[in-house]
Amino acid sequence: MDCSSGISSISSGLQNSASEEELMDQRKRKRMISNRESARRSRLRKRKQLDDLITQASHLMKENQEILIGFNASTQHCLNVEAENAILRTQVAELRCQIQSLNEIVSFLSAGNGGFPAE
């Protein structure tokens, strides 16, 4: 009897050892599956972040282009206004000269005999 109970306990110990090993393998597989799923989610998050950054960069480049177009239009308008102002200043100077000439003629005519030589 002693011998059979010793074999029985060895057999039981082997079964327990096999069960523990099977349980450890099962936990290892479960952890590996969990890690793979976590890595997959991480890759998806990174891909979404990259897509979001690409979309944002595209939007900012478009906005920059619109601002640049507006800036160029404003610059051109400013140059046009400056050119028009230069023309108007020249016209003002010419008109002042004409007014001065006309005032001199009026003064000359008012000062004397109507501007005609005396006879």
N, C-alpha and C. Protein backbone atom coordinates (compact mmCIF):
# COMPACT_ATOMS: atom_id res chain seq x y z
N MET A 1 0.81 -1.19 0.00
CA MET A 1 0.00 0.00 0.00
C MET A 1 0.85 1.25 0.00
N ASP A 2 1.91 1.21 0.71
CA ASP A 2 2.76 2.38 0.77
C ASP A 2 3.31 2.73 -0.59
N CYS A 3 3.62 1.73 -1.32
CA CYS A 3 4.19 1.95 -2.64
C CYS A 3 3.17 2.54 -3.58
N SER A 4 1.94 2.03 -3.54
CA SER A 4 0.91 2.55 -4.44
C SER A 4 0.53 3.97 -4.06
N SER A 5 0.55 4.30 -2.78
CA SER A 5 0.23 5.67 -2.41
C SER A 5 1.36 6.60 -2.82
N GLY A 6 2.60 6.14 -2.87
CA GLY A 6 3.72 6.95 -3.34
C GLY A 6 3.62 7.22 -4.81
N ILE A 7 3.23 6.20 -5.57
CA ILE A 7 3.04 6.37 -7.02
C ILE A 7 1.88 7.30 -7.27
N SER A 8 0.86 7.15 -6.49
CA SER A 8 -0.32 8.00 -6.63
C SER A 8 0.05 9.46 -6.37
N SER A 9 0.88 9.71 -5.37
CA SER A 9 1.25 11.10 -5.09
C SER A 9 2.18 11.65 -6.16
N ILE A 10 3.05 10.82 -6.73
CA ILE A 10 3.91 11.26 -7.83
C ILE A 10 3.06 11.58 -9.03
N SER A 11 2.12 10.69 -9.31
CA SER A 11 1.21 10.90 -10.44
C SER A 11 0.40 12.17 -10.24
N SER A 12 -0.07 12.38 -9.04
CA SER A 12 -0.84 13.58 -8.72
C SER A 12 0.05 14.82 -8.83
N GLY A 13 1.29 14.71 -8.41
CA GLY A 13 2.24 15.83 -8.52
C GLY A 13 2.54 16.16 -9.95
N LEU A 14 2.67 15.14 -10.79
CA LEU A 14 2.90 15.37 -12.22
C LEU A 14 1.69 16.04 -12.86
N GLN A 15 0.52 15.60 -12.46
CA GLN A 15 -0.71 16.21 -13.00
C GLN A 15 -0.79 17.68 -12.58
N ASN A 16 -0.47 17.96 -11.32
CA ASN A 16 -0.50 19.34 -10.83
C ASN A 16 0.53 20.18 -11.58
N SER A 17 1.71 19.61 -11.80
CA SER A 17 2.76 20.31 -12.52
C SER A 17 2.33 20.59 -13.96
N ALA A 18 1.71 19.61 -14.60
CA ALA A 18 1.22 19.78 -15.97
C ALA A 18 0.11 20.81 -16.01
N SER A 19 -0.77 20.79 -15.01
CA SER A 19 -1.86 21.76 -14.95
C SER A 19 -1.31 23.17 -14.76
N GLU A 20 -0.32 23.29 -13.90
CA GLU A 20 0.29 24.61 -13.67
C GLU A 20 0.99 25.11 -14.94
N GLU A 21 1.67 24.20 -15.62
CA GLU A 21 2.35 24.58 -16.87
C GLU A 21 1.33 24.98 -17.93
N GLU A 22 0.24 24.23 -18.00
CA GLU A 22 -0.83 24.56 -18.96
C GLU A 22 -1.45 25.91 -18.61
N LEU A 23 -1.65 26.16 -17.33
CA LEU A 23 -2.21 27.43 -16.88
C LEU A 23 -1.25 28.58 -17.21
N MET A 24 0.05 28.36 -17.01
CA MET A 24 1.04 29.40 -17.34
C MET A 24 1.07 29.66 -18.85
N ASP A 25 0.99 28.57 -19.65
CA ASP A 25 0.96 28.74 -21.10
C ASP A 25 -0.28 29.52 -21.53
N GLN A 26 -1.39 29.20 -20.89
CA GLN A 26 -2.64 29.89 -21.22
C GLN A 26 -2.52 31.38 -20.87
N ARG A 27 -1.97 31.69 -19.71
CA ARG A 27 -1.78 33.09 -19.31
C ARG A 27 -0.82 33.80 -20.27
N LYS A 28 0.22 33.08 -20.67
CA LYS A 28 1.21 33.65 -21.60
C LYS A 28 0.55 33.97 -22.94
N ARG A 29 -0.26 33.04 -23.45
CA ARG A 29 -0.98 33.28 -24.72
C ARG A 29 -1.94 34.46 -24.58
N LYS A 30 -2.65 34.50 -23.46
CA LYS A 30 -3.60 35.59 -23.22
C LYS A 30 -2.87 36.94 -23.18
N ARG A 31 -1.74 36.98 -22.47
CA ARG A 31 -0.94 38.21 -22.39
C ARG A 31 -0.40 38.60 -23.77
N MET A 32 0.03 37.62 -24.56
CA MET A 32 0.55 37.89 -25.89
C MET A 32 -0.56 38.47 -26.78
N ILE A 33 -1.75 37.89 -26.71
CA ILE A 33 -2.89 38.40 -27.49
C ILE A 33 -3.23 39.81 -27.04
N SER A 34 -3.23 40.03 -25.72
CA SER A 34 -3.52 41.36 -25.18
C SER A 34 -2.48 42.38 -25.65
N ASN A 35 -1.21 41.99 -25.64
CA ASN A 35 -0.14 42.89 -26.09
C ASN A 35 -0.28 43.21 -27.57
N ARG A 36 -0.62 42.20 -28.37
CA ARG A 36 -0.81 42.45 -29.81
C ARG A 36 -1.96 43.42 -30.05
N GLU A 37 -3.04 43.23 -29.30
CA GLU A 37 -4.20 44.12 -29.45
C GLU A 37 -3.84 45.54 -29.02
N SER A 38 -3.10 45.64 -27.92
CA SER A 38 -2.65 46.96 -27.45
C SER A 38 -1.75 47.63 -28.48
N ALA A 39 -0.85 46.88 -29.08
CA ALA A 39 0.04 47.42 -30.12
C ALA A 39 -0.76 47.86 -31.34
N ARG A 40 -1.78 47.07 -31.70
CA ARG A 40 -2.63 47.42 -32.84
C ARG A 40 -3.36 48.74 -32.57
N ARG A 41 -3.93 48.87 -31.36
CA ARG A 41 -4.62 50.12 -31.00
C ARG A 41 -3.65 51.30 -31.02
N SER A 42 -2.44 51.07 -30.53
CA SER A 42 -1.42 52.13 -30.53
C SER A 42 -1.09 52.56 -31.96
N ARG A 43 -0.94 51.60 -32.86
CA ARG A 43 -0.66 51.94 -34.27
C ARG A 43 -1.81 52.72 -34.88
N LEU A 44 -3.05 52.31 -34.55
CA LEU A 44 -4.22 53.04 -35.07
C LEU A 44 -4.25 54.47 -34.54
N ARG A 45 -3.94 54.64 -33.24
CA ARG A 45 -3.90 55.99 -32.66
C ARG A 45 -2.86 56.85 -33.35
N LYS A 46 -1.68 56.28 -33.55
CA LYS A 46 -0.61 57.03 -34.21
C LYS A 46 -0.98 57.37 -35.64
N ARG A 47 -1.61 56.44 -36.34
CA ARG A 47 -2.04 56.70 -37.71
C ARG A 47 -3.07 57.82 -37.75
N LYS A 48 -4.02 57.80 -36.78
CA LYS A 48 -5.03 58.86 -36.72
C LYS A 48 -4.38 60.20 -36.40
N GLN A 49 -3.42 60.21 -35.46
CA GLN A 49 -2.72 61.45 -35.13
C GLN A 49 -1.98 61.99 -36.35
N LEU A 50 -1.34 61.10 -37.10
CA LEU A 50 -0.63 61.53 -38.31
C LEU A 50 -1.60 62.09 -39.33
N ASP A 51 -2.73 61.40 -39.53
CA ASP A 51 -3.74 61.90 -40.47
C ASP A 51 -4.26 63.27 -40.04
N ASP A 52 -4.49 63.42 -38.73
CA ASP A 52 -4.97 64.72 -38.22
C ASP A 52 -3.93 65.81 -38.46
N LEU A 53 -2.66 65.49 -38.23
CA LEU A 53 -1.60 66.48 -38.46
C LEU A 53 -1.47 66.84 -39.94
N ILE A 54 -1.63 65.84 -40.81
CA ILE A 54 -1.57 66.11 -42.25
C ILE A 54 -2.73 67.01 -42.65
N THR A 55 -3.93 66.72 -42.13
CA THR A 55 -5.10 67.55 -42.42
C THR A 55 -4.89 68.97 -41.91
N GLN A 56 -4.37 69.10 -40.69
CA GLN A 56 -4.12 70.42 -40.11
C GLN A 56 -3.08 71.18 -40.92
N ALA A 57 -2.02 70.50 -41.33
CA ALA A 57 -0.98 71.15 -42.14
C ALA A 57 -1.55 71.63 -43.46
N SER A 58 -2.39 70.81 -44.07
CA SER A 58 -3.02 71.19 -45.34
C SER A 58 -3.91 72.42 -45.15
N HIS A 59 -4.68 72.42 -44.06
CA HIS A 59 -5.55 73.57 -43.77
C HIS A 59 -4.72 74.83 -43.55
N LEU A 60 -3.63 74.71 -42.80
CA LEU A 60 -2.78 75.88 -42.52
C LEU A 60 -2.10 76.40 -43.79
N MET A 61 -1.68 75.48 -44.66
CA MET A 61 -1.07 75.92 -45.92
C MET A 61 -2.09 76.66 -46.78
N LYS A 62 -3.33 76.15 -46.80
CA LYS A 62 -4.38 76.83 -47.57
C LYS A 62 -4.65 78.21 -46.97
N GLU A 63 -4.73 78.28 -45.65
CA GLU A 63 -4.96 79.57 -44.98
C GLU A 63 -3.81 80.54 -45.26
N ASN A 64 -2.58 80.04 -45.21
CA ASN A 64 -1.41 80.88 -45.52
C ASN A 64 -1.49 81.41 -46.94
N GLN A 65 -1.90 80.55 -47.87
CA GLN A 65 -2.01 80.96 -49.27
C GLN A 65 -3.06 82.07 -49.42
N GLU A 66 -4.19 81.92 -48.72
CA GLU A 66 -5.24 82.95 -48.78
C GLU A 66 -4.73 84.27 -48.18
N ILE A 67 -4.00 84.19 -47.08
CA ILE A 67 -3.45 85.40 -46.46
C ILE A 67 -2.44 86.05 -47.40
N LEU A 68 -1.61 85.24 -48.04
CA LEU A 68 -0.62 85.77 -48.98
C LEU A 68 -1.31 86.46 -50.16
N ILE A 69 -2.38 85.86 -50.67
CA ILE A 69 -3.12 86.48 -51.77
C ILE A 69 -3.69 87.82 -51.33
N GLY A 70 -4.28 87.85 -50.13
CA GLY A 70 -4.81 89.11 -49.59
C GLY A 70 -3.72 90.15 -49.39
N PHE A 71 -2.58 89.72 -48.88
CA PHE A 71 -1.45 90.63 -48.67
C PHE A 71 -0.98 91.21 -50.00
N ASN A 72 -0.83 90.34 -51.00
CA ASN A 72 -0.38 90.81 -52.32
C ASN A 72 -1.39 91.79 -52.92
N ALA A 73 -2.69 91.51 -52.76
CA ALA A 73 -3.71 92.42 -53.27
C ALA A 73 -3.63 93.76 -52.54
N SER A 74 -3.45 93.73 -51.23
CA SER A 74 -3.33 94.97 -50.45
C SER A 74 -2.08 95.75 -50.86
N THR A 75 -0.99 95.05 -51.06
CA THR A 75 0.25 95.70 -51.49
C THR A 75 0.06 96.37 -52.84
N GLN A 76 -0.57 95.66 -53.77
CA GLN A 76 -0.82 96.23 -55.10
C GLN A 76 -1.73 97.44 -55.01
N HIS A 77 -2.77 97.35 -54.17
CA HIS A 77 -3.68 98.48 -53.99
C HIS A 77 -2.92 99.68 -53.42
N CYS A 78 -2.05 99.43 -52.45
CA CYS A 78 -1.25 100.50 -51.85
C CYS A 78 -0.36 101.17 -52.91
N LEU A 79 0.27 100.36 -53.75
CA LEU A 79 1.12 100.91 -54.82
C LEU A 79 0.29 101.75 -55.79
N ASN A 80 -0.91 101.26 -56.12
CA ASN A 80 -1.79 102.02 -57.02
C ASN A 80 -2.19 103.35 -56.40
N VAL A 81 -2.53 103.34 -55.11
CA VAL A 81 -2.92 104.58 -54.42
C VAL A 81 -1.73 105.54 -54.37
N GLU A 82 -0.54 105.02 -54.09
CA GLU A 82 0.65 105.89 -54.06
C GLU A 82 0.91 106.51 -55.43
N ALA A 83 0.74 105.73 -56.50
CA ALA A 83 0.93 106.26 -57.85
C ALA A 83 -0.11 107.34 -58.15
N GLU A 84 -1.36 107.06 -57.76
CA GLU A 84 -2.42 108.05 -57.98
C GLU A 84 -2.15 109.31 -57.17
N ASN A 85 -1.67 109.16 -55.94
CA ASN A 85 -1.33 110.33 -55.12
C ASN A 85 -0.22 111.15 -55.76
N ALA A 86 0.77 110.49 -56.33
CA ALA A 86 1.87 111.20 -57.00
C ALA A 86 1.33 112.01 -58.17
N ILE A 87 0.42 111.40 -58.94
CA ILE A 87 -0.20 112.12 -60.07
C ILE A 87 -0.98 113.32 -59.56
N LEU A 88 -1.76 113.12 -58.50
CA LEU A 88 -2.56 114.21 -57.95
C LEU A 88 -1.67 115.33 -57.39
N ARG A 89 -0.57 114.97 -56.75
CA ARG A 89 0.35 116.00 -56.25
C ARG A 89 0.93 116.82 -57.41
N THR A 90 1.28 116.14 -58.49
CA THR A 90 1.80 116.84 -59.67
C THR A 90 0.73 117.77 -60.23
N GLN A 91 -0.51 117.29 -60.30
CA GLN A 91 -1.61 118.12 -60.81
C GLN A 91 -1.84 119.32 -59.89
N VAL A 92 -1.76 119.10 -58.57
CA VAL A 92 -1.92 120.21 -57.62
C VAL A 92 -0.84 121.25 -57.85
N ALA A 93 0.40 120.82 -58.04
CA ALA A 93 1.50 121.76 -58.28
C ALA A 93 1.26 122.54 -59.57
N GLU A 94 0.82 121.85 -60.62
CA GLU A 94 0.54 122.52 -61.90
C GLU A 94 -0.60 123.52 -61.74
N LEU A 95 -1.64 123.13 -61.03
CA LEU A 95 -2.78 124.04 -60.83
C LEU A 95 -2.37 125.26 -59.99
N ARG A 96 -1.51 125.08 -59.01
CA ARG A 96 -1.03 126.21 -58.21
C ARG A 96 -0.26 127.19 -59.10
N CYS A 97 0.56 126.64 -60.00
CA CYS A 97 1.30 127.51 -60.94
C CYS A 97 0.32 128.28 -61.82
N GLN A 98 -0.71 127.58 -62.31
CA GLN A 98 -1.70 128.25 -63.17
C GLN A 98 -2.43 129.33 -62.39
N ILE A 99 -2.80 129.02 -61.14
CA ILE A 99 -3.50 130.02 -60.31
C ILE A 99 -2.59 131.22 -60.07
N GLN A 100 -1.33 130.97 -59.78
CA GLN A 100 -0.39 132.07 -59.56
C GLN A 100 -0.27 132.92 -60.83
N SER A 101 -0.19 132.29 -61.98
CA SER A 101 -0.11 133.04 -63.24
C SER A 101 -1.37 133.85 -63.46
N LEU A 102 -2.52 133.24 -63.21
CA LEU A 102 -3.79 133.96 -63.39
C LEU A 102 -3.90 135.12 -62.40
N ASN A 103 -3.45 134.90 -61.16
CA ASN A 103 -3.48 135.99 -60.17
C ASN A 103 -2.57 137.14 -60.60
N GLU A 104 -1.43 136.82 -61.18
CA GLU A 104 -0.53 137.87 -61.67
C GLU A 104 -1.19 138.65 -62.80
N ILE A 105 -1.89 137.95 -63.69
CA ILE A 105 -2.59 138.62 -64.79
C ILE A 105 -3.67 139.52 -64.24
N VAL A 106 -4.45 139.00 -63.27
CA VAL A 106 -5.52 139.80 -62.67
C VAL A 106 -4.92 141.02 -61.98
N SER A 107 -3.83 140.86 -61.26
CA SER A 107 -3.18 141.99 -60.58
C SER A 107 -2.71 143.03 -61.60
N PHE A 108 -2.13 142.58 -62.66
CA PHE A 108 -1.65 143.48 -63.70
C PHE A 108 -2.81 144.26 -64.31
N LEU A 109 -3.89 143.52 -64.60
CA LEU A 109 -5.05 144.17 -65.22
C LEU A 109 -5.73 145.13 -64.24
N SER A 110 -5.76 144.75 -62.97
CA SER A 110 -6.41 145.60 -61.97
C SER A 110 -5.57 146.83 -61.65
N ALA A 111 -4.30 146.75 -61.79
CA ALA A 111 -3.41 147.83 -61.39
C ALA A 111 -3.45 149.00 -62.37
N GLY A 112 -3.73 148.77 -63.54
CA GLY A 112 -3.57 149.87 -64.48
C GLY A 112 -4.76 150.04 -65.38
N ASN A 113 -4.46 150.35 -66.55
CA ASN A 113 -5.45 150.74 -67.53
C ASN A 113 -6.01 149.54 -68.29
N GLY A 114 -6.18 148.48 -67.64
CA GLY A 114 -6.75 147.34 -68.31
C GLY A 114 -5.72 146.55 -69.06
N GLY A 115 -4.48 146.90 -68.83
CA GLY A 115 -3.43 146.15 -69.46
C GLY A 115 -3.09 146.63 -70.85
N PHE A 116 -3.75 147.70 -71.28
CA PHE A 116 -3.45 148.19 -72.63
C PHE A 116 -2.44 149.33 -72.52
N PRO A 117 -1.57 149.46 -73.47
CA PRO A 117 -0.62 150.57 -73.43
C PRO A 117 -1.34 151.91 -73.57
N ALA A 118 -0.83 152.88 -72.89
CA ALA A 118 -1.45 154.22 -72.93
C ALA A 118 -1.19 154.86 -74.28
N GLU A 119 -2.16 155.58 -74.79
CA GLU A 119 -2.04 156.21 -76.10
C GLU A 119 -1.90 157.66 -76.02
